[in-house]
C-alpha atoms as a PDB file:
ATOM      1  CA  ASP A   1      -8.667 -12.652  16.324  1.00  0.00           C
ATOM      2  CA  ILE A   2     -10.934 -13.330  13.362  1.00  0.00           C
ATOM      3  CA  LEU A   3      -8.315 -11.832  11.058  1.00  0.00           C
ATOM      4  CA  SER A   4      -5.800 -14.534  11.896  1.00  0.00           C
ATOM      5  CA  ASP A   5      -7.461 -16.881   9.403  1.00  0.00           C
ATOM      6  CA  LEU A   6      -7.516 -14.362   6.570  1.00  0.00           C
ATOM      7  CA  PRO A   7      -4.605 -13.970   4.147  1.00  0.00           C
ATOM      8  CA  TYR A   8      -2.208 -11.077   4.138  1.00  0.00           C
ATOM      9  CA  THR A   9      -4.146  -9.442   1.313  1.00  0.00           C
ATOM     10  CA  MET A  10      -6.966  -8.662   3.695  1.00  0.00           C
ATOM     11  CA  GLU A  11      -4.513  -6.841   5.923  1.00  0.00           C
ATOM     12  CA  ALA A  12      -3.626  -4.803   2.852  1.00  0.00           C
ATOM     13  CA  VAL A  13      -7.292  -3.917   2.426  1.00  0.00           C
ATOM     14  CA  ARG A  14      -7.370  -2.773   6.036  1.00  0.00           C
ATOM     15  CA  ARG A  15      -4.473  -0.404   5.326  1.00  0.00           C
ATOM     16  CA  LEU A  16      -6.347   1.346   2.541  1.00  0.00           C
ATOM     17  CA  LEU A  17      -9.702   1.655   4.335  1.00  0.00           C
ATOM     18  CA  PRO A  18     -10.560   5.265   5.188  1.00  0.00           C
ATOM     19  CA  GLU A  19     -10.808   5.862   8.914  1.00  0.00           C
ATOM     20  CA  LEU A  20     -14.380   6.226  10.117  1.00  0.00           C
ATOM     21  CA  THR A  21     -14.492   9.224  12.445  1.00  0.00           C
ATOM     22  CA  THR A  22     -16.666  12.244  13.142  1.00  0.00           C
ATOM     23  CA  ALA A  23     -14.307  14.301  10.963  1.00  0.00           C
ATOM     24  CA  LEU A  24     -15.690  12.653   7.844  1.00  0.00           C
ATOM     25  CA  ARG A  25     -18.187  14.267   5.516  1.00  0.00           C
ATOM     26  CA  LYS A  26     -20.527  12.540   3.119  1.00  0.00           C
ATOM     27  CA  GLY A  27     -18.502  11.546   0.112  1.00  0.00           C
ATOM     28  CA  ASN A  28     -15.103  11.337   1.817  1.00  0.00           C
ATOM     29  CA  CYS A  29     -15.095   7.550   1.452  1.00  0.00           C
ATOM     30  CA  GLY A  30     -15.866   7.785  -2.227  1.00  0.00           C
ATOM     31  CA  ARG A  31     -18.298   9.094  -4.805  1.00  0.00           C
ATOM     32  CA  LEU A  32     -18.429   6.619  -7.644  1.00  0.00           C
ATOM     33  CA  GLY A  33     -20.305   6.539 -10.918  1.00  0.00           C
ATOM     34  CA  VAL A  34     -21.579   3.522 -12.838  1.00  0.00           C
ATOM     35  CA  VAL A  35     -22.329   4.006 -16.531  1.00  0.00           C
ATOM     36  CA  GLY A  36     -24.400   1.131 -17.832  1.00  0.00           C
ATOM     37  CA  GLY A  37     -27.695  -0.627 -17.922  1.00  0.00           C
ATOM     38  CA  SER A  38     -30.317  -0.946 -20.623  1.00  0.00           C
ATOM     39  CA  VAL A  39     -33.950  -1.956 -20.762  1.00  0.00           C
ATOM     40  CA  GLU A  40     -32.891  -5.615 -21.007  1.00  0.00           C
ATOM     41  CA  TYR A  41     -30.126  -5.466 -18.407  1.00  0.00           C
ATOM     42  CA  THR A  42     -31.058  -3.511 -15.298  1.00  0.00           C
ATOM     43  CA  GLY A  43     -29.507  -5.906 -12.796  1.00  0.00           C
ATOM     44  CA  ALA A  44     -25.883  -5.419 -13.840  1.00  0.00           C
ATOM     45  CA  PRO A  45     -25.495  -1.732 -12.889  1.00  0.00           C
ATOM     46  CA  PHE A  46     -27.478  -2.373  -9.714  1.00  0.00           C
ATOM     47  CA  TYR A  47     -25.184  -5.184  -8.538  1.00  0.00           C
ATOM     48  CA  ALA A  48     -22.098  -3.096  -9.296  1.00  0.00           C
ATOM     49  CA  ALA A  49     -23.388   0.040  -7.566  1.00  0.00           C
ATOM     50  CA  ILE A  50     -24.877  -1.621  -4.487  1.00  0.00           C
ATOM     51  CA  SER A  51     -21.616  -3.538  -3.991  1.00  0.00           C
ATOM     52  CA  MET A  52     -19.772  -0.225  -3.969  1.00  0.00           C
ATOM     53  CA  LEU A  53     -21.921   0.936  -1.071  1.00  0.00           C
ATOM     54  CA  LYS A  54     -21.798  -2.378   0.772  1.00  0.00           C
ATOM     55  CA  VAL A  55     -17.999  -2.427   0.628  1.00  0.00           C
ATOM     56  CA  GLY A  56     -17.798   1.078   2.080  1.00  0.00           C
ATOM     57  CA  ALA A  57     -18.167   3.837  -0.513  1.00  0.00           C
ATOM     58  CA  ASP A  58     -20.439   6.721   0.467  1.00  0.00           C
ATOM     59  CA  LEU A  59     -22.266   7.471  -2.770  1.00  0.00           C
ATOM     60  CA  ALA A  60     -23.006   5.436  -5.878  1.00  0.00           C
ATOM     61  CA  HIS A  61     -24.442   7.187  -8.915  1.00  0.00           C
ATOM     62  CA  VAL A  62     -25.919   5.110 -11.733  1.00  0.00           C
ATOM     63  CA  PHE A  63     -26.124   6.683 -15.187  1.00  0.00           C
ATOM     64  CA  THR A  64     -28.548   4.622 -17.230  1.00  0.00           C
ATOM     65  CA  PRO A  65     -31.076   5.134 -20.052  1.00  0.00           C
ATOM     66  CA  ASP A  66     -34.421   6.634 -19.161  1.00  0.00           C
ATOM     67  CA  ASP A  67     -36.300   3.398 -19.852  1.00  0.00           C
ATOM     68  CA  ALA A  68     -34.130   1.537 -17.332  1.00  0.00           C
ATOM     69  CA  ALA A  69     -33.750   4.181 -14.621  1.00  0.00           C
ATOM     70  CA  ALA A  70     -37.001   3.611 -12.737  1.00  0.00           C
ATOM     71  CA  VAL A  71     -36.349  -0.122 -12.575  1.00  0.00           C
ATOM     72  CA  VAL A  72     -32.814   0.326 -11.231  1.00  0.00           C
ATOM     73  CA  LYS A  73     -34.008   2.910  -8.706  1.00  0.00           C
ATOM     74  CA  GLY A  74     -36.669   0.505  -7.510  1.00  0.00           C
ATOM     75  CA  TYR A  75     -34.041  -2.058  -6.571  1.00  0.00           C
ATOM     76  CA  ALA A  76     -32.387   0.167  -3.960  1.00  0.00           C
ATOM     77  CA  PRO A  77     -33.398   3.647  -2.788  1.00  0.00           C
ATOM     78  CA  GLU A  78     -29.863   4.395  -1.606  1.00  0.00           C
ATOM     79  CA  LEU A  79     -28.607   4.493  -5.202  1.00  0.00           C
ATOM     80  CA  ILE A  80     -28.609   7.846  -6.993  1.00  0.00           C
ATOM     81  CA  VAL A  81     -30.027   7.013 -10.401  1.00  0.00           C
ATOM     82  CA  HIS A  82     -29.779   9.427 -13.333  1.00  0.00           C
ATOM     83  CA  PRO A  83     -32.177   8.752 -16.240  1.00  0.00           C
ATOM     84  CA  GLU A  84     -29.448   9.491 -18.774  1.00  0.00           C
ATOM     85  CA  LEU A  85     -26.591   7.218 -19.832  1.00  0.00           C
ATOM     86  CA  ASP A  86     -24.137  10.037 -20.531  1.00  0.00           C
ATOM     87  CA  PRO A  87     -22.781  11.377 -17.202  1.00  0.00           C
ATOM     88  CA  GLY A  88     -21.714  14.639 -18.849  1.00  0.00           C
ATOM     89  CA  HIS A  89     -20.580  17.198 -16.270  1.00  0.00           C
ATOM     90  CA  TRP A  90     -21.311  14.717 -13.476  1.00  0.00           C
ATOM     91  CA  GLN A  91     -18.176  12.740 -14.322  1.00  0.00           C
ATOM     92  CA  GLN A  92     -15.917  15.466 -12.956  1.00  0.00           C
ATOM     93  CA  ARG A  93     -17.744  15.192  -9.620  1.00  0.00           C
ATOM     94  CA  MET A  94     -17.038  11.473  -9.317  1.00  0.00           C
ATOM     95  CA  ASP A  95     -13.937  10.112  -7.588  1.00  0.00           C
ATOM     96  CA  ALA A  96     -13.957   7.008  -9.792  1.00  0.00           C
ATOM     97  CA  MET A  97     -15.957   5.570 -12.673  1.00  0.00           C
ATOM     98  CA  LEU A  98     -17.113   2.131 -13.760  1.00  0.00           C
ATOM     99  CA  VAL A  99     -18.338   1.785 -17.326  1.00  0.00           C
ATOM    100  CA  GLY A 100     -19.957  -1.203 -18.984  1.00  0.00           C
ATOM    101  CA  PRO A 101     -22.267  -3.306 -16.781  1.00  0.00           C
ATOM    102  CA  GLY A 102     -25.447  -4.019 -18.746  1.00  0.00           C
ATOM    103  CA  LEU A 103     -24.545  -1.295 -21.256  1.00  0.00           C
ATOM    104  CA  GLY A 104     -25.697  -3.103 -24.383  1.00  0.00           C
ATOM    105  CA  ARG A 105     -24.171  -2.600 -27.809  1.00  0.00           C
ATOM    106  CA  GLU A 106     -26.176   0.168 -29.398  1.00  0.00           C
ATOM    107  CA  GLU A 107     -23.882   2.627 -31.145  1.00  0.00           C
ATOM    108  CA  LYS A 108     -25.034   5.530 -28.977  1.00  0.00           C
ATOM    109  CA  SER A 109     -24.281   3.584 -25.793  1.00  0.00           C
ATOM    110  CA  LEU A 110     -20.842   2.549 -27.027  1.00  0.00           C
ATOM    111  CA  GLN A 111     -20.041   6.157 -27.925  1.00  0.00           C
ATOM    112  CA  VAL A 112     -20.907   7.213 -24.375  1.00  0.00           C
ATOM    113  CA  ALA A 113     -18.559   4.525 -23.053  1.00  0.00           C
ATOM    114  CA  HIS A 114     -15.818   5.800 -25.355  1.00  0.00           C
ATOM    115  CA  ASP A 115     -16.270   9.370 -24.145  1.00  0.00           C
ATOM    116  CA  VAL A 116     -16.206   8.318 -20.482  1.00  0.00           C
ATOM    117  CA  ILE A 117     -12.946   6.428 -21.035  1.00  0.00           C
ATOM    118  CA  VAL A 118     -11.349   9.406 -22.797  1.00  0.00           C
ATOM    119  CA  GLU A 119     -12.438  11.803 -20.052  1.00  0.00           C
ATOM    120  CA  ALA A 120     -11.132   9.477 -17.336  1.00  0.00           C
ATOM    121  CA  GLN A 121      -7.789   9.316 -19.124  1.00  0.00           C
ATOM    122  CA  ARG A 122      -7.673  13.091 -19.397  1.00  0.00           C
ATOM    123  CA  ARG A 123      -8.421  13.548 -15.713  1.00  0.00           C
ATOM    124  CA  ALA A 124      -6.311  10.581 -14.511  1.00  0.00           C
ATOM    125  CA  GLN A 125      -9.556   9.442 -12.903  1.00  0.00           C
ATOM    126  CA  PRO A 126      -9.712   5.893 -11.485  1.00  0.00           C
ATOM    127  CA  LEU A 127     -11.629   3.836 -14.030  1.00  0.00           C
ATOM    128  CA  VAL A 128     -12.844   0.255 -14.379  1.00  0.00           C
ATOM    129  CA  VAL A 129     -14.032  -0.959 -17.787  1.00  0.00           C
ATOM    130  CA  ASP A 130     -16.191  -4.080 -17.734  1.00  0.00           C
ATOM    131  CA  ALA A 131     -18.598  -6.086 -19.894  1.00  0.00           C
ATOM    132  CA  ASP A 132     -19.952  -4.158 -22.897  1.00  0.00           C
ATOM    133  CA  GLY A 133     -17.641  -1.268 -22.108  1.00  0.00           C
ATOM    134  CA  LEU A 134     -14.886  -3.501 -23.429  1.00  0.00           C
ATOM    135  CA  VAL A 135     -16.591  -3.661 -26.832  1.00  0.00           C
ATOM    136  CA  ILE A 136     -15.767  -0.071 -27.716  1.00  0.00           C
ATOM    137  CA  LEU A 137     -12.275  -0.467 -26.321  1.00  0.00           C
ATOM    138  CA  THR A 138     -11.804  -3.509 -28.553  1.00  0.00           C
ATOM    139  CA  GLU A 139     -13.046  -1.600 -31.595  1.00  0.00           C
ATOM    140  CA  ARG A 140     -11.053   1.593 -30.968  1.00  0.00           C
ATOM    141  CA  TRP A 141      -8.099   0.308 -28.985  1.00  0.00           C
ATOM    142  CA  GLU A 142      -5.493   2.115 -31.073  1.00  0.00           C
ATOM    143  CA  SER A 143      -6.862   5.584 -30.428  1.00  0.00           C
ATOM    144  CA  LEU A 144      -7.719   4.900 -26.786  1.00  0.00           C
ATOM    145  CA  SER A 145      -4.337   3.385 -25.938  1.00  0.00           C
ATOM    146  CA  ALA A 146      -2.471   6.122 -27.832  1.00  0.00           C
ATOM    147  CA  ALA A 147      -4.205   9.067 -26.183  1.00  0.00           C
ATOM    148  CA  PRO A 148      -1.609  11.839 -25.685  1.00  0.00           C
ATOM    149  CA  VAL A 149      -2.363  12.102 -21.980  1.00  0.00           C
ATOM    150  CA  HIS A 150      -2.225   8.354 -21.476  1.00  0.00           C
ATOM    151  CA  LYS A 151       0.496   7.034 -19.201  1.00  0.00           C
ATOM    152  CA  ALA A 152       1.093   3.474 -18.044  1.00  0.00           C
ATOM    153  CA  GLU A 153       0.591   4.457 -14.413  1.00  0.00           C
ATOM    154  CA  LEU A 154      -2.970   5.710 -14.893  1.00  0.00           C
ATOM    155  CA  PRO A 155      -5.442   3.962 -12.568  1.00  0.00           C
ATOM    156  CA  ILE A 156      -7.369   2.064 -15.246  1.00  0.00           C
ATOM    157  CA  ILE A 157      -8.379  -1.594 -14.905  1.00  0.00           C
ATOM    158  CA  LEU A 158     -10.089  -3.698 -17.560  1.00  0.00           C
ATOM    159  CA  THR A 159     -12.052  -6.685 -16.243  1.00  0.00           C
ATOM    160  CA  PRO A 160     -12.723  -9.096 -19.131  1.00  0.00           C
ATOM    161  CA  ASN A 161     -14.048 -12.622 -18.852  1.00  0.00           C
ATOM    162  CA  ALA A 162     -12.630 -15.368 -21.077  1.00  0.00           C
ATOM    163  CA  VAL A 163     -14.736 -14.474 -24.127  1.00  0.00           C
ATOM    164  CA  GLU A 164     -14.086 -10.737 -23.804  1.00  0.00           C
ATOM    165  CA  MET A 165     -10.384 -11.415 -23.366  1.00  0.00           C
ATOM    166  CA  ASP A 166     -10.369 -13.495 -26.551  1.00  0.00           C
ATOM    167  CA  ARG A 167     -11.967 -10.656 -28.513  1.00  0.00           C
ATOM    168  CA  LEU A 168      -9.438  -8.160 -27.203  1.00  0.00           C
ATOM    169  CA  ALA A 169      -6.499 -10.455 -27.897  1.00  0.00           C
ATOM    170  CA  MET A 170      -7.724 -11.235 -31.410  1.00  0.00           C
ATOM    171  CA  GLN A 171      -8.201  -7.566 -32.235  1.00  0.00           C
ATOM    172  CA  VAL A 172      -4.988  -6.240 -30.694  1.00  0.00           C
ATOM    173  CA  LEU A 173      -2.568  -9.172 -30.862  1.00  0.00           C
ATOM    174  CA  GLN A 174      -4.191 -11.367 -33.536  1.00  0.00           C
ATOM    175  CA  VAL A 175      -4.016 -14.211 -31.018  1.00  0.00           C
ATOM    176  CA  SER A 176      -6.867 -16.349 -29.691  1.00  0.00           C
ATOM    177  CA  THR A 177      -6.892 -17.161 -25.976  1.00  0.00           C
ATOM    178  CA  LEU A 178     -10.171 -19.053 -25.667  1.00  0.00           C
ATOM    179  CA  GLY A 179      -9.584 -22.592 -24.447  1.00  0.00           C
ATOM    180  CA  LYS A 180      -5.803 -22.231 -24.622  1.00  0.00           C
ATOM    181  CA  PRO A 181      -3.348 -23.480 -21.935  1.00  0.00           C
ATOM    182  CA  TRP A 182      -3.000 -21.025 -19.090  1.00  0.00           C
ATOM    183  CA  GLU A 183       0.665 -20.353 -19.953  1.00  0.00           C
ATOM    184  CA  GLU A 184      -0.400 -19.060 -23.371  1.00  0.00           C
ATOM    185  CA  VAL A 185      -3.201 -17.021 -21.838  1.00  0.00           C
ATOM    186  CA  ARG A 186      -0.833 -15.504 -19.295  1.00  0.00           C
ATOM    187  CA  LEU A 187       1.573 -14.470 -22.038  1.00  0.00           C
ATOM    188  CA  ALA A 188      -1.261 -12.920 -24.031  1.00  0.00           C
ATOM    189  CA  VAL A 189      -2.570 -11.010 -21.002  1.00  0.00           C
ATOM    190  CA  SER A 190       0.930  -9.674 -20.380  1.00  0.00           C
ATOM    191  CA  LYS A 191       1.380  -8.525 -23.967  1.00  0.00           C
ATOM    192  CA  LEU A 192      -2.103  -7.042 -24.122  1.00  0.00           C
ATOM    193  CA  ALA A 193      -1.647  -4.989 -20.947  1.00  0.00           C
ATOM    194  CA  ALA A 194       1.680  -3.659 -22.197  1.00  0.00           C
ATOM    195  CA  ARG A 195       0.280  -2.858 -25.630  1.00  0.00           C
ATOM    196  CA  LEU A 196      -2.791  -1.068 -24.295  1.00  0.00           C
ATOM    197  CA  LYS A 197      -0.898   0.559 -21.421  1.00  0.00           C
ATOM    198  CA  MET A 198      -3.752  -0.521 -19.168  1.00  0.00           C
ATOM    199  CA  ASN A 199      -4.073  -2.962 -16.284  1.00  0.00           C
ATOM    200  CA  ILE A 200      -6.066  -6.130 -16.985  1.00  0.00           C
ATOM    201  CA  PHE A 201      -7.944  -8.295 -14.485  1.00  0.00           C
ATOM    202  CA  LEU A 202      -8.878 -11.494 -16.347  1.00  0.00           C
ATOM    203  CA  LYS A 203     -11.660 -13.342 -14.547  1.00  0.00           C
ATOM    204  CA  GLY A 204     -11.568 -17.126 -14.524  1.00  0.00           C
ATOM    205  CA  PRO A 205     -11.038 -20.258 -12.405  1.00  0.00           C
ATOM    206  CA  THR A 206      -7.713 -18.590 -11.615  1.00  0.00           C
ATOM    207  CA  ASP A 207      -7.862 -14.813 -11.842  1.00  0.00           C
ATOM    208  CA  MET A 208      -4.964 -13.166 -13.666  1.00  0.00           C
ATOM    209  CA  PHE A 209      -3.887  -9.583 -13.159  1.00  0.00           C
ATOM    210  CA  ALA A 210      -1.450  -7.893 -15.503  1.00  0.00           C
ATOM    211  CA  THR A 211      -0.146  -4.428 -14.763  1.00  0.00           C
ATOM    212  CA  ALA A 212       0.557  -2.044 -17.621  1.00  0.00           C
ATOM    213  CA  ASP A 213       4.237  -2.988 -17.499  1.00  0.00           C
ATOM    214  CA  GLY A 214       3.316  -6.558 -18.474  1.00  0.00           C
ATOM    215  CA  LYS A 215       3.877  -8.233 -15.109  1.00  0.00           C
ATOM    216  CA  VAL A 216       1.272 -10.932 -14.378  1.00  0.00           C
ATOM    217  CA  ARG A 217       0.077 -12.319 -11.063  1.00  0.00           C
ATOM    218  CA  LEU A 218      -2.307 -15.213 -10.440  1.00  0.00           C
ATOM    219  CA  TYR A 219      -4.997 -15.404  -7.746  1.00  0.00           C
ATOM    220  CA  ASP A 220      -6.774 -18.651  -6.959  1.00  0.00           C
ATOM    221  CA  ALA A 221      -8.403 -18.264  -3.548  1.00  0.00           C
ATOM    222  CA  GLU A 222     -11.272 -20.649  -2.857  1.00  0.00           C
ATOM    223  CA  GLY A 223     -14.610 -19.414  -4.143  1.00  0.00           C
ATOM    224  CA  SER A 224     -17.939 -20.966  -5.070  1.00  0.00           C
ATOM    225  CA  ALA A 225     -18.696 -23.721  -7.556  1.00  0.00           C
ATOM    226  CA  ARG A 226     -21.825 -21.776  -8.513  1.00  0.00           C
ATOM    227  CA  ARG A 227     -21.491 -19.119 -11.213  1.00  0.00           C
ATOM    228  CA  PRO A 228     -24.799 -17.222 -11.335  1.00  0.00           C
ATOM    229  CA  GLY A 229     -25.099 -14.067 -13.393  1.00  0.00           C
ATOM    230  CA  GLY A 230     -24.097 -10.874 -11.625  1.00  0.00           C
ATOM    231  CA  ILE A 231     -20.935 -12.012  -9.850  1.00  0.00           C
ATOM    232  CA  GLY A 232     -18.764 -10.170 -12.354  1.00  0.00           C
ATOM    233  CA  ASP A 233     -20.748  -6.996 -11.756  1.00  0.00           C
ATOM    234  CA  ILE A 234     -20.198  -7.319  -8.014  1.00  0.00           C
ATOM    235  CA  LEU A 235     -16.483  -7.791  -8.631  1.00  0.00           C
ATOM    236  CA  SER A 236     -16.237  -4.738 -10.879  1.00  0.00           C
ATOM    237  CA  GLY A 237     -17.913  -2.603  -8.218  1.00  0.00           C
ATOM    238  CA  VAL A 238     -15.555  -3.838  -5.509  1.00  0.00           C
ATOM    239  CA  ILE A 239     -12.519  -3.319  -7.741  1.00  0.00           C
ATOM    240  CA  ALA A 240     -13.610   0.255  -8.471  1.00  0.00           C
ATOM    241  CA  VAL A 241     -13.791   1.115  -4.766  1.00  0.00           C
ATOM    242  CA  PHE A 242     -10.513  -0.615  -3.920  1.00  0.00           C
ATOM    243  CA  LEU A 243      -8.872   1.106  -6.898  1.00  0.00           C
ATOM    244  CA  LEU A 244     -10.052   4.490  -5.663  1.00  0.00           C
ATOM    245  CA  TRP A 245      -8.836   3.847  -2.142  1.00  0.00           C
ATOM    246  CA  SER A 246      -5.470   2.650  -3.452  1.00  0.00           C
ATOM    247  CA  THR A 247      -4.877   6.070  -5.001  1.00  0.00           C
ATOM    248  CA  ARG A 248      -5.091   7.482  -1.462  1.00  0.00           C
ATOM    249  CA  SER A 249      -2.740   4.969   0.113  1.00  0.00           C
ATOM    250  CA  ASP A 250       0.517   3.101  -0.462  1.00  0.00           C
ATOM    251  CA  VAL A 251      -1.168  -0.148  -1.525  1.00  0.00           C
ATOM    252  CA  PRO A 252       0.001  -1.116  -5.043  1.00  0.00           C
ATOM    253  CA  LEU A 253      -2.409  -2.060  -7.802  1.00  0.00           C
ATOM    254  CA  HIS A 254      -1.515  -5.733  -7.826  1.00  0.00           C
ATOM    255  CA  THR A 255      -2.351  -5.997  -4.126  1.00  0.00           C
ATOM    256  CA  VAL A 256      -5.662  -4.241  -4.732  1.00  0.00           C
ATOM    257  CA  ALA A 257      -6.451  -6.785  -7.449  1.00  0.00           C
ATOM    258  CA  GLU A 258      -5.523  -9.681  -5.198  1.00  0.00           C
ATOM    259  CA  ALA A 259      -7.636  -8.270  -2.376  1.00  0.00           C
ATOM    260  CA  ALA A 260     -10.656  -7.787  -4.658  1.00  0.00           C
ATOM    261  CA  SER A 261     -10.293 -11.288  -6.081  1.00  0.00           C
ATOM    262  CA  PHE A 262     -10.129 -12.833  -2.635  1.00  0.00           C
ATOM    263  CA  PHE A 263     -12.890 -10.643  -1.238  1.00  0.00           C
ATOM    264  CA  VAL A 264     -15.511 -11.510  -3.853  1.00  0.00           C
ATOM    265  CA  ARG A 265     -14.513 -15.174  -3.945  1.00  0.00           C
ATOM    266  CA  GLU A 266     -14.870 -15.343  -0.173  1.00  0.00           C
ATOM    267  CA  ALA A 267     -18.261 -13.604  -0.284  1.00  0.00           C
ATOM    268  CA  ALA A 268     -19.413 -16.097  -2.926  1.00  0.00           C
ATOM    269  CA  ARG A 269     -18.048 -19.015  -0.921  1.00  0.00           C
ATOM    270  CA  ARG A 270     -19.962 -17.907   2.161  1.00  0.00           C
ATOM    271  CA  ALA A 271     -23.144 -17.381   0.168  1.00  0.00           C
ATOM    272  CA  HIS A 272     -22.903 -20.834  -1.409  1.00  0.00           C
ATOM    273  CA  GLU A 273     -22.182 -22.417   1.953  1.00  0.00           C
ATOM    274  CA  GLN A 274     -25.307 -20.803   3.375  1.00  0.00           C
ATOM    275  CA  ILE A 275     -27.708 -21.075   0.417  1.00  0.00           C
ATOM    276  CA  GLY A 276     -26.429 -23.983  -1.648  1.00  0.00           C
ATOM    277  CA  ARG A 277     -27.211 -24.616  -5.291  1.00  0.00           C
ATOM    278  CA  GLY A 278     -29.892 -21.924  -5.407  1.00  0.00           C
ATOM    279  CA  MET A 279     -27.409 -19.136  -4.631  1.00  0.00           C
ATOM    280  CA  THR A 280     -27.802 -15.991  -6.731  1.00  0.00           C
ATOM    281  CA  ALA A 281     -25.872 -12.737  -7.019  1.00  0.00           C
ATOM    282  CA  SER A 282     -28.188 -11.148  -4.452  1.00  0.00           C
ATOM    283  CA  ASP A 283     -27.016 -13.723  -1.915  1.00  0.00           C
ATOM    284  CA  VAL A 284     -23.407 -12.727  -2.617  1.00  0.00           C
ATOM    285  CA  VAL A 285     -24.250  -9.035  -2.175  1.00  0.00           C
ATOM    286  CA  ALA A 286     -25.743  -9.932   1.207  1.00  0.00           C
ATOM    287  CA  GLN A 287     -22.331 -11.263   2.277  1.00  0.00           C
ATOM    288  CA  VAL A 288     -20.314  -8.201   1.241  1.00  0.00           C
ATOM    289  CA  ALA A 289     -20.989  -5.923   4.229  1.00  0.00           C
ATOM    290  CA  PRO A 290     -20.610  -8.690   6.867  1.00  0.00           C
ATOM    291  CA  LEU A 291     -17.335  -9.781   5.264  1.00  0.00           C
ATOM    292  CA  MET A 292     -16.029  -6.218   5.256  1.00  0.00           C
ATOM    293  CA  LYS A 293     -16.948  -5.921   8.917  1.00  0.00           C
ATOM    294  CA  THR A 294     -14.689  -8.870   9.753  1.00  0.00           C
ATOM    295  CA  ILE A 295     -11.674  -7.119   8.241  1.00  0.00           C
ATOM    296  CA  ASP A 296     -12.473  -3.502   9.114  1.00  0.00           C
ATOM    297  CA  LYS A 297      -9.858  -1.771  11.181  1.00  0.00           C
ATOM    298  CA  PRO A 298     -10.774  -0.142  14.505  1.00  0.00           C
ATOM    299  CA  TYR A 299     -11.211   3.584  14.868  1.00  0.00           C
ATOM    300  CA  GLU A 300      -7.784   5.106  15.477  1.00  0.00           C
ATOM    301  CA  GLY A 301      -8.331   8.805  16.001  1.00  0.00           C
ATOM    302  CA  VAL A 302      -9.205  11.669  13.715  1.00  0.00           C
ATOM    303  CA  TYR A 303      -7.306  12.375  10.499  1.00  0.00           C
ATOM    304  CA  ASP A 304      -7.373  15.288   8.080  1.00  0.00           C
ATOM    305  CA  ALA A 305     -10.482  14.618   5.985  1.00  0.00           C
ATOM    306  CA  ASN A 306      -9.380  17.283   3.496  1.00  0.00           C
ATOM    307  CA  LYS A 307      -6.634  14.948   2.298  1.00  0.00           C
ATOM    308  CA  LEU A 308      -9.205  12.521   0.912  1.00  0.00           C
END
């Protein structure tokens, strides 16, 4: 059994995978939206959205500025690309949202990110905030974390890298985490998650995941020594899908985070093993669907698709 060599976390992923049967309709396995991209950064929303599809979501919508839309659409015809950054009424049609990849820091773009976060909070909609989406959260953290409808159990995950984490910690806790011992970083991640009432997935040599109650877990599965641009975007897309599926299953958030960490690290490891030093994010994307196939559960009858 090929699964015998995979850790228990992959079995957890199998438990949350929607059954693939003839009872399914398009969209039952997830309609997700990506808000991001700019004329300079068209790759980021593409890598996030295509990873959503490759891991098993049905539909990936990309909301991006008009001057970036045609480029993103040209990367993959299976993506639904809207030439407008603001999802507007489309957000209520999405099962989950990812905001931030390639967003840029223009005030208009950051305001859109803010509005998407607020709407996701209001709707208790699964949400991942990555990259430049974290800029507006850093600037307006008090209002966003104190939203009247906000509860610690809302399915929201922030995915900062080391620099983004340092900015958040400095703004919210007045503590720097950049280059600090991991014990200090872990404590800061715990305090930050509790203060913001949001879950935090800190990317690094060892990934850290803090739930909104302040509990921290560490994930250090083997990955790749190569760190090309785009890996974080792939991870945010995978996390968004796993987060959505977790809301339809009994898999807790910390297990979803561990599964996503392992999954993307393993995809990167396989890509590096095959390609070597010249590995890019596209090579990692190419490993996502084959890796999911190795852990996919067999068809086990028809379920009630209306419950999805």
